Structure formats: structure tokens, C-alpha cells
Amino acid sequence: MPTIAIIYYSGYGHTAKQAEAVQQDLAEVKGAQVNVYRIDKDGNLPEASMDAIAKADAVIYGSST
């Protein structure tokens, strides 16, 4: 079962919408486990997320420009 990590930062919500769309599309992949991690305004990920991200088979990163 592939594990995919989606990591994103969204200041105004636009990147969050894109991350949600990617998550919905990946949910249709049979057997895929998708985990979403939002970077907070201080640039931090949720605690203990680094271990899960390191174990992921794929990482998708999104941020505003």
C-alpha cells in the first residue's frame, strides 16, 4: 500500500484548496494512504509528522508564491 504525504503552506487558503483537491484525487487510488500536513504561520509542521513524512513513498509539497 503506497503512502503519500501532502505538505503545504497556505497563507490565504488558495494552496489549501489545491492540497484538498490533490487529496481527493489520490483517495481514488486503490490502496493508497494519503496524509496531509499543514505548515503553520511560523513555518512548523505538526509534532511527530517528520517520522511519517520520512516513511512516505511519495511527498507532494505546495506553497504560495
PDB file of N, CA and C in Angstrom:
ATOM      1  N   MET A   1       0.835  -1.167   0.000  1.00  0.00           N
ATOM      2  CA  MET A   1       0.000   0.000   0.000  1.00  0.00           C
ATOM      3  C   MET A   1       0.890   1.243   0.000  1.00  0.00           C
ATOM      4  N   PRO A   2       0.804   2.090  -1.039  1.00  0.00           N
ATOM      5  CA  PRO A   2       1.633   3.297  -1.075  1.00  0.00           C
ATOM      6  C   PRO A   2       1.140   4.353  -0.090  1.00  0.00           C
ATOM      7  N   THR A   3       2.077   5.038   0.512  1.00  0.00           N
ATOM      8  CA  THR A   3       1.771   6.124   1.427  1.00  0.00           C
ATOM      9  C   THR A   3       2.254   7.425   0.810  1.00  0.00           C
ATOM     10  N   ILE A   4       1.369   8.415   0.780  1.00  0.00           N
ATOM     11  CA  ILE A   4       1.686   9.691   0.163  1.00  0.00           C
ATOM     12  C   ILE A   4       1.481  10.789   1.192  1.00  0.00           C
ATOM     13  N   ALA A   5       2.464  11.670   1.320  1.00  0.00           N
ATOM     14  CA  ALA A   5       2.377  12.808   2.227  1.00  0.00           C
ATOM     15  C   ALA A   5       2.185  14.076   1.408  1.00  0.00           C
ATOM     16  N   ILE A   6       1.168  14.838   1.753  1.00  0.00           N
ATOM     17  CA  ILE A   6       0.953  16.140   1.142  1.00  0.00           C
ATOM     18  C   ILE A   6       1.307  17.175   2.204  1.00  0.00           C
ATOM     19  N   ILE A   7       2.275  18.013   1.896  1.00  0.00           N
ATOM     20  CA  ILE A   7       2.740  19.042   2.823  1.00  0.00           C
ATOM     21  C   ILE A   7       2.505  20.387   2.146  1.00  0.00           C
ATOM     22  N   TYR A   8       1.887  21.309   2.874  1.00  0.00           N
ATOM     23  CA  TYR A   8       1.642  22.599   2.241  1.00  0.00           C
ATOM     24  C   TYR A   8       1.600  23.738   3.245  1.00  0.00           C
ATOM     25  N   TYR A   9       1.849  24.929   2.725  1.00  0.00           N
ATOM     26  CA  TYR A   9       1.640  26.157   3.469  1.00  0.00           C
ATOM     27  C   TYR A   9       0.657  26.993   2.668  1.00  0.00           C
ATOM     28  N   SER A  10      -0.329  27.546   3.349  1.00  0.00           N
ATOM     29  CA  SER A  10      -1.328  28.358   2.679  1.00  0.00           C
ATOM     30  C   SER A  10      -1.599  29.604   3.507  1.00  0.00           C
ATOM     31  N   GLY A  11      -1.282  30.738   2.957  1.00  0.00           N
ATOM     32  CA  GLY A  11      -1.498  31.990   3.674  1.00  0.00           C
ATOM     33  C   GLY A  11      -2.937  32.482   3.586  1.00  0.00           C
ATOM     34  N   TYR A  12      -3.541  32.344   2.415  1.00  0.00           N
ATOM     35  CA  TYR A  12      -4.892  32.864   2.205  1.00  0.00           C
ATOM     36  C   TYR A  12      -5.907  31.780   1.859  1.00  0.00           C
ATOM     37  N   GLY A  13      -5.484  30.528   1.835  1.00  0.00           N
ATOM     38  CA  GLY A  13      -6.417  29.428   1.588  1.00  0.00           C
ATOM     39  C   GLY A  13      -6.396  28.853   0.185  1.00  0.00           C
ATOM     40  N   HIS A  14      -5.733  29.521  -0.751  1.00  0.00           N
ATOM     41  CA  HIS A  14      -5.713  29.017  -2.121  1.00  0.00           C
ATOM     42  C   HIS A  14      -4.917  27.717  -2.239  1.00  0.00           C
ATOM     43  N   THR A  15      -3.761  27.671  -1.608  1.00  0.00           N
ATOM     44  CA  THR A  15      -2.948  26.456  -1.652  1.00  0.00           C
ATOM     45  C   THR A  15      -3.637  25.333  -0.876  1.00  0.00           C
ATOM     46  N   ALA A  16      -4.361  25.666   0.171  1.00  0.00           N
ATOM     47  CA  ALA A  16      -5.119  24.656   0.928  1.00  0.00           C
ATOM     48  C   ALA A  16      -6.159  24.003   0.030  1.00  0.00           C
ATOM     49  N   LYS A  17      -6.838  24.781  -0.799  1.00  0.00           N
ATOM     50  CA  LYS A  17      -7.830  24.226  -1.725  1.00  0.00           C
ATOM     51  C   LYS A  17      -7.172  23.279  -2.713  1.00  0.00           C
ATOM     52  N   GLN A  18      -6.002  23.635  -3.191  1.00  0.00           N
ATOM     53  CA  GLN A  18      -5.301  22.761  -4.131  1.00  0.00           C
ATOM     54  C   GLN A  18      -4.856  21.477  -3.437  1.00  0.00           C
ATOM     55  N   ALA A  19      -4.377  21.585  -2.203  1.00  0.00           N
ATOM     56  CA  ALA A  19      -3.965  20.391  -1.456  1.00  0.00           C
ATOM     57  C   ALA A  19      -5.163  19.471  -1.233  1.00  0.00           C
ATOM     58  N   GLU A  20      -6.320  20.040  -0.938  1.00  0.00           N
ATOM     59  CA  GLU A  20      -7.534  19.244  -0.751  1.00  0.00           C
ATOM     60  C   GLU A  20      -7.935  18.544  -2.046  1.00  0.00           C
ATOM     61  N   ALA A  21      -7.789  19.227  -3.172  1.00  0.00           N
ATOM     62  CA  ALA A  21      -8.125  18.629  -4.462  1.00  0.00           C
ATOM     63  C   ALA A  21      -7.198  17.452  -4.779  1.00  0.00           C
ATOM     64  N   VAL A  22      -5.916  17.619  -4.492  1.00  0.00           N
ATOM     65  CA  VAL A  22      -4.959  16.534  -4.710  1.00  0.00           C
ATOM     66  C   VAL A  22      -5.293  15.357  -3.800  1.00  0.00           C
ATOM     67  N   GLN A  23      -5.637  15.652  -2.547  1.00  0.00           N
ATOM     68  CA  GLN A  23      -6.000  14.599  -1.602  1.00  0.00           C
ATOM     69  C   GLN A  23      -7.225  13.821  -2.096  1.00  0.00           C
ATOM     70  N   GLN A  24      -8.232  14.525  -2.599  1.00  0.00           N
ATOM     71  CA  GLN A  24      -9.433  13.862  -3.105  1.00  0.00           C
ATOM     72  C   GLN A  24      -9.117  12.964  -4.294  1.00  0.00           C
ATOM     73  N   ASP A  25      -8.270  13.444  -5.197  1.00  0.00           N
ATOM     74  CA  ASP A  25      -7.896  12.623  -6.356  1.00  0.00           C
ATOM     75  C   ASP A  25      -7.115  11.389  -5.920  1.00  0.00           C
ATOM     76  N   LEU A  26      -6.197  11.547  -4.984  1.00  0.00           N
ATOM     77  CA  LEU A  26      -5.400  10.410  -4.527  1.00  0.00           C
ATOM     78  C   LEU A  26      -6.235   9.417  -3.731  1.00  0.00           C
ATOM     79  N   ALA A  27      -7.320   9.869  -3.134  1.00  0.00           N
ATOM     80  CA  ALA A  27      -8.202   8.970  -2.384  1.00  0.00           C
ATOM     81  C   ALA A  27      -8.825   7.920  -3.303  1.00  0.00           C
ATOM     82  N   GLU A  28      -8.864   8.202  -4.590  1.00  0.00           N
ATOM     83  CA  GLU A  28      -9.426   7.263  -5.556  1.00  0.00           C
ATOM     84  C   GLU A  28      -8.438   6.176  -5.965  1.00  0.00           C
ATOM     85  N   VAL A  29      -7.177   6.317  -5.599  1.00  0.00           N
ATOM     86  CA  VAL A  29      -6.167   5.313  -5.923  1.00  0.00           C
ATOM     87  C   VAL A  29      -6.324   4.161  -4.939  1.00  0.00           C
ATOM     88  N   LYS A  30      -6.607   3.016  -5.479  1.00  0.00           N
ATOM     89  CA  LYS A  30      -6.868   1.845  -4.643  1.00  0.00           C
ATOM     90  C   LYS A  30      -5.664   1.506  -3.762  1.00  0.00           C
ATOM     91  N   GLY A  31      -5.907   1.440  -2.465  1.00  0.00           N
ATOM     92  CA  GLY A  31      -4.868   1.056  -1.528  1.00  0.00           C
ATOM     93  C   GLY A  31      -3.950   2.170  -1.069  1.00  0.00           C
ATOM     94  N   ALA A  32      -4.117   3.355  -1.620  1.00  0.00           N
ATOM     95  CA  ALA A  32      -3.231   4.470  -1.243  1.00  0.00           C
ATOM     96  C   ALA A  32      -3.652   5.058   0.103  1.00  0.00           C
ATOM     97  N   GLN A  33      -2.668   5.377   0.911  1.00  0.00           N
ATOM     98  CA  GLN A  33      -2.905   6.073   2.174  1.00  0.00           C
ATOM     99  C   GLN A  33      -2.345   7.474   2.024  1.00  0.00           C
ATOM    100  N   VAL A  34      -3.203   8.469   2.192  1.00  0.00           N
ATOM    101  CA  VAL A  34      -2.803   9.859   1.996  1.00  0.00           C
ATOM    102  C   VAL A  34      -2.865  10.595   3.327  1.00  0.00           C
ATOM    103  N   ASN A  35      -1.770  11.257   3.671  1.00  0.00           N
ATOM    104  CA  ASN A  35      -1.702  12.054   4.890  1.00  0.00           C
ATOM    105  C   ASN A  35      -1.393  13.494   4.510  1.00  0.00           C
ATOM    106  N   VAL A  36      -2.112  14.425   5.121  1.00  0.00           N
ATOM    107  CA  VAL A  36      -1.947  15.841   4.805  1.00  0.00           C
ATOM    108  C   VAL A  36      -1.374  16.556   6.021  1.00  0.00           C
ATOM    109  N   TYR A  37      -0.359  17.385   5.774  1.00  0.00           N
ATOM    110  CA  TYR A  37       0.303  18.136   6.840  1.00  0.00           C
ATOM    111  C   TYR A  37       0.358  19.599   6.442  1.00  0.00           C
ATOM    112  N   ARG A  38      -0.215  20.450   7.271  1.00  0.00           N
ATOM    113  CA  ARG A  38      -0.194  21.886   7.000  1.00  0.00           C
ATOM    114  C   ARG A  38       0.922  22.539   7.815  1.00  0.00           C
ATOM    115  N   ILE A  39       1.718  23.330   7.147  1.00  0.00           N
ATOM    116  CA  ILE A  39       2.760  24.103   7.809  1.00  0.00           C
ATOM    117  C   ILE A  39       2.093  25.344   8.400  1.00  0.00           C
ATOM    118  N   ASP A  40       2.354  25.623   9.671  1.00  0.00           N
ATOM    119  CA  ASP A  40       1.702  26.769  10.306  1.00  0.00           C
ATOM    120  C   ASP A  40       2.390  28.079   9.925  1.00  0.00           C
ATOM    121  N   LYS A  41       1.836  29.183  10.408  1.00  0.00           N
ATOM    122  CA  LYS A  41       2.353  30.515  10.045  1.00  0.00           C
ATOM    123  C   LYS A  41       3.783  30.755  10.496  1.00  0.00           C
ATOM    124  N   ASP A  42       4.248  29.958  11.470  1.00  0.00           N
ATOM    125  CA  ASP A  42       5.621  30.077  11.950  1.00  0.00           C
ATOM    126  C   ASP A  42       6.579  29.153  11.198  1.00  0.00           C
ATOM    127  N   GLY A  43       6.054  28.396  10.225  1.00  0.00           N
ATOM    128  CA  GLY A  43       6.891  27.506   9.428  1.00  0.00           C
ATOM    129  C   GLY A  43       7.093  26.133  10.033  1.00  0.00           C
ATOM    130  N   ASN A  44       6.230  25.754  10.979  1.00  0.00           N
ATOM    131  CA  ASN A  44       6.373  24.465  11.658  1.00  0.00           C
ATOM    132  C   ASN A  44       5.338  23.450  11.188  1.00  0.00           C
ATOM    133  N   LEU A  45       5.765  22.213  11.160  1.00  0.00           N
ATOM    134  CA  LEU A  45       4.861  21.092  10.878  1.00  0.00           C
ATOM    135  C   LEU A  45       4.321  20.556  12.200  1.00  0.00           C
ATOM    136  N   PRO A  46       3.202  19.815  12.158  1.00  0.00           N
ATOM    137  CA  PRO A  46       2.702  19.197  13.392  1.00  0.00           C
ATOM    138  C   PRO A  46       3.761  18.280  14.005  1.00  0.00           C
ATOM    139  N   GLU A  47       3.734  18.170  15.333  1.00  0.00           N
ATOM    140  CA  GLU A  47       4.705  17.310  16.026  1.00  0.00           C
ATOM    141  C   GLU A  47       4.599  15.879  15.523  1.00  0.00           C
ATOM    142  N   ALA A  48       5.713  15.219  15.465  1.00  0.00           N
ATOM    143  CA  ALA A  48       5.839  13.811  15.063  1.00  0.00           C
ATOM    144  C   ALA A  48       5.510  13.571  13.591  1.00  0.00           C
ATOM    145  N   SER A  49       5.276  14.618  12.816  1.00  0.00           N
ATOM    146  CA  SER A  49       4.971  14.404  11.402  1.00  0.00           C
ATOM    147  C   SER A  49       6.214  14.059  10.589  1.00  0.00           C
ATOM    148  N   MET A  50       7.380  14.461  11.049  1.00  0.00           N
ATOM    149  CA  MET A  50       8.601  14.201  10.288  1.00  0.00           C
ATOM    150  C   MET A  50       8.856  12.708  10.121  1.00  0.00           C
ATOM    151  N   ASP A  51       8.564  11.913  11.133  1.00  0.00           N
ATOM    152  CA  ASP A  51       8.740  10.460  11.016  1.00  0.00           C
ATOM    153  C   ASP A  51       7.811   9.886   9.955  1.00  0.00           C
ATOM    154  N   ALA A  52       6.562  10.325   9.967  1.00  0.00           N
ATOM    155  CA  ALA A  52       5.597   9.833   8.981  1.00  0.00           C
ATOM    156  C   ALA A  52       5.978  10.273   7.573  1.00  0.00           C
ATOM    157  N   ILE A  53       6.445  11.503   7.440  1.00  0.00           N
ATOM    158  CA  ILE A  53       6.854  12.010   6.127  1.00  0.00           C
ATOM    159  C   ILE A  53       8.070  11.238   5.619  1.00  0.00           C
ATOM    160  N   ALA A  54       9.003  10.948   6.495  1.00  0.00           N
ATOM    161  CA  ALA A  54      10.210  10.204   6.107  1.00  0.00           C
ATOM    162  C   ALA A  54       9.870   8.798   5.621  1.00  0.00           C
ATOM    163  N   LYS A  55       8.801   8.219   6.121  1.00  0.00           N
ATOM    164  CA  LYS A  55       8.399   6.866   5.733  1.00  0.00           C
ATOM    165  C   LYS A  55       7.511   6.841   4.496  1.00  0.00           C
ATOM    166  N   ALA A  56       7.069   7.993   4.031  1.00  0.00           N
ATOM    167  CA  ALA A  56       6.165   8.059   2.879  1.00  0.00           C
ATOM    168  C   ALA A  56       6.869   7.609   1.606  1.00  0.00           C
ATOM    169  N   ASP A  57       6.092   6.995   0.716  1.00  0.00           N
ATOM    170  CA  ASP A  57       6.616   6.582  -0.585  1.00  0.00           C
ATOM    171  C   ASP A  57       6.729   7.758  -1.544  1.00  0.00           C
ATOM    172  N   ALA A  58       5.897   8.776  -1.336  1.00  0.00           N
ATOM    173  CA  ALA A  58       5.927   9.971  -2.174  1.00  0.00           C
ATOM    174  C   ALA A  58       5.571  11.179  -1.317  1.00  0.00           C
ATOM    175  N   VAL A  59       6.144  12.323  -1.666  1.00  0.00           N
ATOM    176  CA  VAL A  59       5.855  13.567  -0.968  1.00  0.00           C
ATOM    177  C   VAL A  59       5.466  14.609  -2.008  1.00  0.00           C
ATOM    178  N   ILE A  60       4.345  15.271  -1.756  1.00  0.00           N
ATOM    179  CA  ILE A  60       3.882  16.362  -2.611  1.00  0.00           C
ATOM    180  C   ILE A  60       3.936  17.620  -1.764  1.00  0.00           C
ATOM    181  N   TYR A  61       4.616  18.640  -2.256  1.00  0.00           N
ATOM    182  CA  TYR A  61       4.796  19.867  -1.495  1.00  0.00           C
ATOM    183  C   TYR A  61       4.187  21.028  -2.252  1.00  0.00           C
ATOM    184  N   GLY A  62       3.433  21.844  -1.528  1.00  0.00           N
ATOM    185  CA  GLY A  62       2.837  23.016  -2.154  1.00  0.00           C
ATOM    186  C   GLY A  62       2.973  24.235  -1.269  1.00  0.00           C
ATOM    187  N   SER A  63       3.223  25.380  -1.909  1.00  0.00           N
ATOM    188  CA  SER A  63       3.269  26.638  -1.172  1.00  0.00           C
ATOM    189  C   SER A  63       2.879  27.770  -2.110  1.00  0.00           C
ATOM    190  N   SER A  64       2.498  28.841  -1.508  1.00  0.00           N
ATOM    191  CA  SER A  64       2.153  30.010  -2.315  1.00  0.00           C
ATOM    192  C   SER A  64       3.423  30.648  -2.861  1.00  0.00           C
ATOM    193  N   THR A  65       3.254  31.477  -3.872  1.00  0.00           N
ATOM    194  CA  THR A  65       4.428  32.109  -4.467  1.00  0.00           C
ATOM    195  C   THR A  65       4.578  33.529  -4.015  1.00  0.00           C
TER     196      THR A  65
END
